[in-house]
Amino acid sequence: MGLKPSPYFVMRAFHSAFELVTGDPADPINVLHWSKIIFNLPGQQNYALTKPQLWKFNPTTNTLAAASLVYVDDLQTLGGSWEESWRVGIKHPLTFPT
């Protein structure tokens, strides 16, 4: 109790800032654009062992949609190609310059 700040408020502020940085996923110009989620589960007719079981699809590139993953102080980017991952990586510092 007392007047100490709650971790809830810190995480809420972080997620609000992260949402601002990533932008609108429905915007086709956004590097983090995706339009549908694809399930790749065992037992399906088109199951592919080399693909993730659940992934976001980007129709402009016809590949896995780019994404940012954050764990504590580590930011990881992923995408359908190296260039797409790089574009996600430079998007974050450009949005919040230091």
Protein backbone atom coordinates (compact mmCIF):
# COMPACT_ATOMS: atom_id res chain seq x y z
CA MET A 1 0.00 0.00 0.00
CA GLY A 2 1.22 3.51 0.60
CA LEU A 3 2.17 5.97 -2.11
CA LYS A 4 4.38 3.69 -4.19
CA PRO A 5 3.63 3.49 -7.94
CA SER A 6 2.08 0.27 -9.11
CA PRO A 7 3.74 -1.83 -11.86
CA TYR A 8 0.33 -1.85 -13.51
CA PHE A 9 0.63 1.84 -14.41
CA VAL A 10 4.12 1.34 -15.84
CA MET A 11 2.97 -1.54 -18.04
CA ARG A 12 -0.13 0.37 -19.14
CA ALA A 13 2.03 3.33 -20.19
CA PHE A 14 4.46 1.01 -21.99
CA HIS A 15 1.70 -0.71 -23.96
CA SER A 16 0.14 2.64 -24.89
CA ALA A 17 3.50 3.88 -26.18
CA PHE A 18 4.14 0.60 -28.02
CA GLU A 19 0.74 0.85 -29.70
CA LEU A 20 1.57 4.40 -30.79
CA VAL A 21 4.90 3.25 -32.26
CA THR A 22 3.52 0.26 -34.17
CA GLY A 23 0.70 2.24 -35.75
CA ASP A 24 -2.43 0.93 -37.46
CA PRO A 25 -2.03 -2.68 -38.66
CA ALA A 26 -4.83 -2.17 -41.22
CA ASP A 27 -2.85 0.56 -43.04
CA PRO A 28 -1.14 -1.03 -46.10
CA ILE A 29 1.69 1.53 -45.98
CA ASN A 30 2.60 0.48 -42.43
CA VAL A 31 5.51 -1.97 -42.32
CA LEU A 32 3.62 -3.92 -39.62
CA HIS A 33 0.53 -4.34 -41.83
CA TRP A 34 -1.39 -7.61 -41.70
CA SER A 35 -4.88 -8.58 -42.83
CA LYS A 36 -5.60 -12.09 -41.61
CA ILE A 37 -4.36 -14.76 -39.24
CA ILE A 38 -3.44 -18.16 -40.64
CA PHE A 39 -3.63 -21.33 -38.58
CA ASN A 40 -1.15 -24.07 -39.44
CA LEU A 41 -2.16 -26.91 -37.15
CA PRO A 42 -1.33 -30.62 -37.27
CA GLY A 43 -4.14 -32.58 -38.89
CA GLN A 44 -5.01 -29.91 -41.46
CA GLN A 45 -4.80 -30.74 -45.17
CA ASN A 46 -2.24 -27.98 -45.88
CA TYR A 47 -0.17 -28.39 -42.69
CA ALA A 48 3.47 -27.38 -43.22
CA LEU A 49 6.01 -28.35 -40.60
CA THR A 50 8.36 -25.50 -41.60
CA LYS A 51 5.83 -22.73 -40.87
CA PRO A 52 4.63 -21.42 -37.50
CA GLN A 53 1.37 -22.80 -36.10
CA LEU A 54 -0.19 -19.33 -35.94
CA TRP A 55 0.96 -16.37 -38.01
CA LYS A 56 -0.18 -13.04 -39.40
CA PHE A 57 -0.35 -12.75 -43.18
CA ASN A 58 0.69 -9.64 -45.12
CA PRO A 59 -1.12 -9.59 -48.51
CA THR A 60 1.13 -6.90 -50.04
CA THR A 61 4.22 -9.13 -49.74
CA ASN A 62 2.42 -12.51 -49.60
CA THR A 63 4.57 -13.52 -46.65
CA LEU A 64 4.65 -13.62 -42.88
CA ALA A 65 3.80 -10.14 -41.56
CA ALA A 66 6.50 -8.20 -39.77
CA ALA A 67 6.24 -7.86 -36.01
CA SER A 68 8.01 -6.51 -32.94
CA LEU A 69 8.42 -8.67 -29.88
CA VAL A 70 9.43 -7.16 -26.54
CA TYR A 71 10.62 -9.07 -23.49
CA VAL A 72 11.79 -6.94 -20.54
CA ASP A 73 14.55 -4.84 -22.19
CA ASP A 74 15.02 -6.84 -25.39
CA LEU A 75 13.35 -5.80 -28.66
CA GLN A 76 13.23 -8.45 -31.39
CA THR A 77 11.94 -7.89 -34.90
CA LEU A 78 10.76 -10.46 -37.37
CA GLY A 79 9.48 -10.38 -40.89
CA GLY A 80 9.12 -12.22 -44.16
CA SER A 81 12.57 -11.02 -45.30
CA TRP A 82 15.70 -9.45 -43.86
CA GLU A 83 14.80 -6.05 -45.34
CA GLU A 84 11.36 -6.10 -43.76
CA SER A 85 12.80 -6.92 -40.34
CA TRP A 86 15.30 -4.09 -40.75
CA ARG A 87 12.49 -1.63 -41.60
CA VAL A 88 10.68 -2.63 -38.40
CA GLY A 89 13.89 -2.16 -36.40
CA ILE A 90 14.43 1.39 -37.62
CA LYS A 91 10.75 2.32 -37.18
CA HIS A 92 10.98 2.38 -33.37
CA PRO A 93 13.86 4.88 -32.94
CA LEU A 94 12.38 7.14 -35.63
CA THR A 95 9.07 7.36 -33.78
CA PHE A 96 10.62 8.23 -30.41
CA PRO A 97 13.90 10.07 -31.08
CA THR A 98 16.22 10.52 -28.11
